[in-house]
């Protein structure tokens, strides 16, 4: 039978009453301070600024993201200047 023995598994907020209280407090902060909504609003502003790279640099293929998780996708190779790569 497959069983987890003591010391084989762990989690951030698991295992004791203090950790459970910390987990509840963390969730309360997320809700009360509207962190998800704020991340969505700030992420939209950030992506708009990043999109200037998309317009100004031909090596940038696209700017994308959600909330504050964002990315700039670089084209693997451009023709101007000939043979220019984003990485070597």
N, C-alpha and C. Protein backbone atom coordinates (compact mmCIF):
# COMPACT_ATOMS: atom_id res chain seq x y z
N UNK A 1 0.84 -1.18 0.00
CA UNK A 1 0.00 0.00 0.00
C UNK A 1 0.89 1.24 0.00
N UNK A 2 0.56 2.20 -0.86
CA UNK A 2 1.34 3.43 -0.94
C UNK A 2 0.84 4.42 0.11
N UNK A 3 1.70 4.75 1.03
CA UNK A 3 1.35 5.71 2.08
C UNK A 3 2.47 6.73 2.22
N UNK A 4 2.09 7.93 2.58
CA UNK A 4 3.08 8.96 2.87
C UNK A 4 3.46 8.83 4.33
N UNK A 5 4.75 8.68 4.58
CA UNK A 5 5.24 8.55 5.95
C UNK A 5 5.68 9.93 6.46
N UNK A 6 5.75 10.11 7.76
CA UNK A 6 6.19 11.40 8.31
C UNK A 6 7.53 11.83 7.73
N UNK A 7 7.60 13.09 7.32
CA UNK A 7 8.83 13.63 6.75
C UNK A 7 8.95 13.48 5.25
N UNK A 8 8.02 12.78 4.60
CA UNK A 8 8.09 12.57 3.15
C UNK A 8 7.31 13.61 2.36
N UNK A 9 6.51 14.39 3.02
CA UNK A 9 5.66 15.35 2.32
C UNK A 9 5.56 16.62 3.14
N UNK A 10 5.45 17.73 2.47
CA UNK A 10 5.29 19.00 3.17
C UNK A 10 4.52 19.98 2.31
N UNK A 11 4.05 21.03 2.92
CA UNK A 11 3.37 22.08 2.17
C UNK A 11 3.62 23.41 2.87
N UNK A 12 3.34 24.48 2.19
CA UNK A 12 3.62 25.80 2.73
C UNK A 12 2.85 26.08 4.01
N UNK A 13 1.55 25.81 4.01
CA UNK A 13 0.72 26.16 5.16
C UNK A 13 0.17 24.93 5.88
N UNK A 14 0.77 23.79 5.68
CA UNK A 14 0.19 22.57 6.25
C UNK A 14 0.92 22.08 7.49
N UNK A 15 0.22 21.29 8.26
CA UNK A 15 0.89 20.57 9.31
C UNK A 15 0.74 21.07 10.72
N UNK A 16 0.38 22.32 10.92
CA UNK A 16 0.23 22.79 12.30
C UNK A 16 -0.70 23.99 12.36
N UNK A 17 -1.25 24.28 13.54
CA UNK A 17 -2.21 25.37 13.67
C UNK A 17 -1.63 26.75 13.33
N UNK A 18 -0.38 27.00 13.66
CA UNK A 18 0.22 28.29 13.34
C UNK A 18 0.27 28.50 11.82
N UNK A 19 0.71 27.46 11.10
CA UNK A 19 0.78 27.56 9.64
C UNK A 19 -0.61 27.77 9.05
N UNK A 20 -1.63 27.12 9.61
CA UNK A 20 -2.99 27.30 9.13
C UNK A 20 -3.46 28.75 9.34
N UNK A 21 -3.14 29.35 10.47
CA UNK A 21 -3.49 30.75 10.74
C UNK A 21 -2.80 31.69 9.76
N UNK A 22 -1.53 31.40 9.46
CA UNK A 22 -0.78 32.21 8.50
C UNK A 22 -1.42 32.10 7.12
N UNK A 23 -1.84 30.91 6.74
CA UNK A 23 -2.52 30.72 5.45
C UNK A 23 -3.81 31.51 5.37
N UNK A 24 -4.60 31.49 6.42
CA UNK A 24 -5.85 32.25 6.45
C UNK A 24 -5.57 33.74 6.37
N UNK A 25 -4.56 34.21 7.09
CA UNK A 25 -4.19 35.63 7.06
C UNK A 25 -3.74 36.03 5.65
N UNK A 26 -3.00 35.17 4.97
CA UNK A 26 -2.55 35.45 3.61
C UNK A 26 -3.73 35.59 2.66
N UNK A 27 -4.69 34.70 2.77
CA UNK A 27 -5.89 34.78 1.93
C UNK A 27 -6.69 36.04 2.22
N UNK A 28 -6.76 36.41 3.50
CA UNK A 28 -7.48 37.63 3.88
C UNK A 28 -6.85 38.86 3.24
N UNK A 29 -5.52 38.94 3.23
CA UNK A 29 -4.81 40.06 2.61
C UNK A 29 -5.10 40.09 1.11
N UNK A 30 -5.07 38.93 0.46
CA UNK A 30 -5.36 38.89 -0.98
C UNK A 30 -6.72 39.48 -1.30
N UNK A 31 -7.71 39.15 -0.50
CA UNK A 31 -9.08 39.62 -0.74
C UNK A 31 -9.24 41.09 -0.34
N UNK A 32 -8.84 41.44 0.88
CA UNK A 32 -9.08 42.79 1.39
C UNK A 32 -8.31 43.86 0.60
N UNK A 33 -7.11 43.55 0.17
CA UNK A 33 -6.31 44.54 -0.55
C UNK A 33 -6.51 44.44 -2.07
N UNK A 34 -7.42 43.56 -2.49
CA UNK A 34 -7.78 43.41 -3.90
C UNK A 34 -6.54 43.23 -4.78
N UNK A 35 -5.67 42.33 -4.37
CA UNK A 35 -4.41 42.14 -5.07
C UNK A 35 -4.60 41.63 -6.49
N UNK A 36 -5.55 40.75 -6.73
CA UNK A 36 -5.78 40.24 -8.08
C UNK A 36 -6.27 41.34 -9.01
N UNK A 37 -7.21 42.14 -8.54
CA UNK A 37 -7.73 43.24 -9.35
C UNK A 37 -6.63 44.27 -9.66
N UNK A 38 -5.81 44.56 -8.66
CA UNK A 38 -4.71 45.51 -8.84
C UNK A 38 -3.69 44.97 -9.84
N UNK A 39 -3.39 43.69 -9.76
CA UNK A 39 -2.44 43.08 -10.70
C UNK A 39 -2.97 43.17 -12.13
N UNK A 40 -4.26 42.96 -12.32
CA UNK A 40 -4.85 43.05 -13.66
C UNK A 40 -4.75 44.47 -14.20
N UNK A 41 -5.03 45.46 -13.35
CA UNK A 41 -4.98 46.86 -13.78
C UNK A 41 -3.54 47.29 -14.10
N UNK A 42 -2.60 46.99 -13.21
CA UNK A 42 -1.21 47.36 -13.44
C UNK A 42 -0.59 46.58 -14.59
N UNK A 43 -1.02 45.33 -14.77
CA UNK A 43 -0.51 44.53 -15.88
C UNK A 43 -0.90 45.12 -17.23
N UNK A 44 -2.12 45.64 -17.34
CA UNK A 44 -2.57 46.26 -18.59
C UNK A 44 -1.71 47.49 -18.90
N UNK A 45 -1.42 48.28 -17.89
CA UNK A 45 -0.56 49.47 -18.08
C UNK A 45 0.84 49.03 -18.50
N UNK A 46 1.37 48.02 -17.83
CA UNK A 46 2.71 47.53 -18.12
C UNK A 46 2.81 47.01 -19.56
N UNK A 47 1.80 46.22 -19.99
CA UNK A 47 1.80 45.68 -21.36
C UNK A 47 1.74 46.78 -22.40
N UNK A 48 0.98 47.83 -22.13
CA UNK A 48 0.92 48.94 -23.08
C UNK A 48 2.30 49.57 -23.26
N UNK A 49 3.03 49.72 -22.16
CA UNK A 49 4.38 50.26 -22.26
C UNK A 49 5.32 49.28 -22.98
N UNK A 50 5.18 47.99 -22.70
CA UNK A 50 6.02 46.99 -23.37
C UNK A 50 5.76 46.96 -24.87
N UNK A 51 4.55 47.28 -25.28
CA UNK A 51 4.21 47.23 -26.70
C UNK A 51 4.97 48.27 -27.52
N UNK A 52 5.58 49.26 -26.87
CA UNK A 52 6.44 50.18 -27.61
C UNK A 52 7.64 49.42 -28.18
N UNK A 53 8.10 48.37 -27.51
CA UNK A 53 9.17 47.53 -28.03
C UNK A 53 8.70 46.82 -29.29
N UNK A 54 7.45 46.37 -29.28
CA UNK A 54 6.90 45.66 -30.43
C UNK A 54 6.87 46.58 -31.65
N UNK A 55 6.55 47.85 -31.43
CA UNK A 55 6.50 48.81 -32.53
C UNK A 55 7.89 49.26 -32.97
N UNK A 56 8.80 49.41 -32.02
CA UNK A 56 10.10 50.01 -32.31
C UNK A 56 11.21 49.03 -32.66
N UNK A 57 11.05 47.74 -32.33
CA UNK A 57 12.11 46.77 -32.55
C UNK A 57 11.57 45.61 -33.37
N UNK A 58 12.14 45.39 -34.52
CA UNK A 58 11.63 44.35 -35.41
C UNK A 58 11.90 42.94 -34.90
N UNK A 59 12.77 42.80 -33.90
CA UNK A 59 13.04 41.47 -33.35
C UNK A 59 11.92 41.00 -32.43
N UNK A 60 11.07 41.92 -31.97
CA UNK A 60 9.99 41.56 -31.06
C UNK A 60 8.79 41.08 -31.89
N UNK A 61 8.37 39.86 -31.62
CA UNK A 61 7.24 39.29 -32.34
C UNK A 61 5.91 39.72 -31.72
N UNK A 62 5.80 39.58 -30.40
CA UNK A 62 4.55 39.94 -29.73
C UNK A 62 4.81 40.17 -28.24
N UNK A 63 3.98 41.01 -27.65
CA UNK A 63 3.96 41.22 -26.20
C UNK A 63 2.65 40.63 -25.71
N UNK A 64 2.73 39.81 -24.67
CA UNK A 64 1.50 39.18 -24.16
C UNK A 64 1.60 38.99 -22.66
N UNK A 65 0.46 38.71 -22.06
CA UNK A 65 0.46 38.45 -20.63
C UNK A 65 -0.92 38.50 -20.02
N UNK A 66 -0.94 38.25 -18.73
CA UNK A 66 -2.17 38.31 -17.95
C UNK A 66 -1.78 38.78 -16.56
N UNK A 67 -2.46 39.82 -16.10
CA UNK A 67 -2.09 40.39 -14.80
C UNK A 67 -0.67 40.89 -14.87
N UNK A 68 0.13 40.55 -13.88
CA UNK A 68 1.53 40.98 -13.87
C UNK A 68 2.49 39.89 -14.38
N UNK A 69 1.94 38.85 -15.02
CA UNK A 69 2.77 37.84 -15.67
C UNK A 69 2.81 38.19 -17.15
N UNK A 70 3.95 38.68 -17.62
CA UNK A 70 4.06 39.20 -18.97
C UNK A 70 5.26 38.62 -19.68
N UNK A 71 5.22 38.69 -21.02
CA UNK A 71 6.31 38.14 -21.82
C UNK A 71 6.48 38.96 -23.09
N UNK A 72 7.71 39.00 -23.55
CA UNK A 72 8.03 39.54 -24.87
C UNK A 72 8.56 38.36 -25.67
N UNK A 73 7.87 38.02 -26.76
CA UNK A 73 8.30 36.91 -27.61
C UNK A 73 9.24 37.48 -28.66
N UNK A 74 10.43 36.92 -28.71
CA UNK A 74 11.47 37.38 -29.65
C UNK A 74 11.46 36.47 -30.88
N UNK A 75 11.52 37.08 -32.07
CA UNK A 75 11.62 36.31 -33.30
C UNK A 75 12.96 35.57 -33.31
N UNK A 76 12.98 34.33 -33.81
CA UNK A 76 14.23 33.57 -33.80
C UNK A 76 15.31 34.17 -34.69
N UNK A 77 14.93 34.80 -35.81
CA UNK A 77 15.91 35.38 -36.71
C UNK A 77 15.24 36.51 -37.49
N UNK A 78 15.96 37.60 -37.70
CA UNK A 78 15.44 38.69 -38.51
C UNK A 78 16.32 38.87 -39.73
N UNK A 79 15.80 39.49 -40.73
CA UNK A 79 16.56 39.73 -41.96
C UNK A 79 17.32 41.05 -41.92
N UNK A 80 16.92 41.98 -41.05
CA UNK A 80 17.60 43.27 -40.94
C UNK A 80 18.12 43.44 -39.55
N UNK A 81 19.34 43.65 -39.29
CA UNK A 81 20.44 43.38 -40.21
C UNK A 81 20.51 41.90 -40.54
N UNK A 82 21.04 41.55 -41.69
CA UNK A 82 21.03 40.14 -42.14
C UNK A 82 21.64 39.20 -41.10
N UNK A 83 20.92 38.13 -40.80
CA UNK A 83 21.42 37.09 -39.91
C UNK A 83 21.45 37.45 -38.44
N UNK A 84 20.79 38.54 -38.04
CA UNK A 84 20.81 38.93 -36.64
C UNK A 84 19.94 37.98 -35.82
N UNK A 85 20.48 37.49 -34.71
CA UNK A 85 19.75 36.59 -33.83
C UNK A 85 19.53 37.23 -32.48
N UNK A 86 18.47 36.81 -31.80
CA UNK A 86 18.20 37.30 -30.45
C UNK A 86 19.14 36.64 -29.45
N UNK A 87 19.66 35.49 -29.78
CA UNK A 87 20.58 34.77 -28.89
C UNK A 87 21.63 34.08 -29.75
N UNK A 88 22.72 33.67 -29.14
CA UNK A 88 23.81 33.00 -29.88
C UNK A 88 23.92 31.57 -29.48
